[in-house]
C-alpha atoms as a PDB file:
ATOM      1  CA  MET A   1      -2.675  -1.171  14.697  1.00  0.00           C
ATOM      2  CA  GLU A   2      -4.144  -3.915  14.311  1.00  0.00           C
ATOM      3  CA  ARG A   3      -6.797  -5.820  12.272  1.00  0.00           C
ATOM      4  CA  LEU A   4      -9.491  -7.134  14.500  1.00  0.00           C
ATOM      5  CA  ASN A   5     -10.293  -8.798  11.173  1.00  0.00           C
ATOM      6  CA  GLU A   6      -7.851 -10.180   9.323  1.00  0.00           C
ATOM      7  CA  GLU A   7     -10.084 -11.586   6.748  1.00  0.00           C
ATOM      8  CA  ILE A   8     -11.239  -8.063   5.089  1.00  0.00           C
ATOM      9  CA  SER A   9      -8.444  -6.747   3.282  1.00  0.00           C
ATOM     10  CA  GLN A  10      -6.445  -2.877   3.185  1.00  0.00           C
ATOM     11  CA  LYS A  11      -8.250  -1.784   0.276  1.00  0.00           C
ATOM     12  CA  LYS A  12     -11.823  -3.304   1.807  1.00  0.00           C
ATOM     13  CA  LEU A  13     -11.293  -0.991   4.996  1.00  0.00           C
ATOM     14  CA  ALA A  14      -9.662   1.913   3.336  1.00  0.00           C
ATOM     15  CA  LYS A  15     -13.145   1.388   1.354  1.00  0.00           C
ATOM     16  CA  SER A  16     -15.211   0.905   4.287  1.00  0.00           C
ATOM     17  CA  LEU A  17     -13.342   4.120   7.055  1.00  0.00           C
ATOM     18  CA  ASN A  18     -14.399   6.606   4.288  1.00  0.00           C
ATOM     19  CA  LYS A  19     -17.214   6.018   3.129  1.00  0.00           C
ATOM     20  CA  PHE A  20     -17.586   5.542   7.218  1.00  0.00           C
ATOM     21  CA  LEU A  21     -16.268   9.103   7.944  1.00  0.00           C
ATOM     22  CA  LYS A  22     -17.885  10.280   4.768  1.00  0.00           C
ATOM     23  CA  THR A  23     -14.035  11.191   3.421  1.00  0.00           C
ATOM     24  CA  THR A  24     -11.005  10.249   1.168  1.00  0.00           C
ATOM     25  CA  TYR A  25      -8.036  10.402   3.360  1.00  0.00           C
ATOM     26  CA  TYR A  26      -7.966   6.482   3.702  1.00  0.00           C
ATOM     27  CA  THR A  27      -5.841   4.770   0.756  1.00  0.00           C
ATOM     28  CA  LYS A  28      -4.537   0.495   1.003  1.00  0.00           C
ATOM     29  CA  ARG A  29      -1.222   2.550   1.467  1.00  0.00           C
ATOM     30  CA  LYS A  30      -2.139   4.581   4.143  1.00  0.00           C
ATOM     31  CA  ILE A  31      -3.705   1.623   6.628  1.00  0.00           C
ATOM     32  CA  ASP A  32      -0.440   0.095   5.770  1.00  0.00           C
ATOM     33  CA  ARG A  33       1.908   2.808   7.375  1.00  0.00           C
ATOM     34  CA  ILE A  34      -1.016   2.639  10.562  1.00  0.00           C
ATOM     35  CA  GLU A  35      -0.772  -0.691  11.155  1.00  0.00           C
ATOM     36  CA  SER A  36       3.186  -0.650  10.920  1.00  0.00           C
ATOM     37  CA  ASN A  37       2.985   2.199  13.102  1.00  0.00           C
ATOM     38  CA  THR A  38       4.364   4.751  10.528  1.00  0.00           C
ATOM     39  CA  THR A  39       1.483   7.349  10.641  1.00  0.00           C
ATOM     40  CA  TYR A  40      -0.992   7.753  12.784  1.00  0.00           C
ATOM     41  CA  LEU A  41      -5.064   7.234  12.262  1.00  0.00           C
ATOM     42  CA  LYS A  42      -6.711  10.657  11.683  1.00  0.00           C
ATOM     43  CA  PHE A  43     -10.061  11.866  12.775  1.00  0.00           C
ATOM     44  CA  ASP A  44     -12.162  15.235  11.885  1.00  0.00           C
ATOM     45  CA  VAL A  45     -13.586  15.899  15.569  1.00  0.00           C
ATOM     46  CA  VAL A  46     -16.721  18.427  14.541  1.00  0.00           C
ATOM     47  CA  ASN A  47     -18.621  19.924  18.010  1.00  0.00           C
ATOM     48  CA  GLU A  48     -22.536  19.820  16.627  1.00  0.00           C
ATOM     49  CA  VAL A  49     -24.383  21.776  19.002  1.00  0.00           C
END
């Protein structure tokens, strides 16, 4: 995975993802692993009626 905006830091990206997805899963280390293709993005899918 590659960031479209290279100027945003991994820490800021993790903070933004956590805020947007309402989670605390993402950290600078996890973003680094995702970018190096060692792990994958994690999404919780909620099917609301």
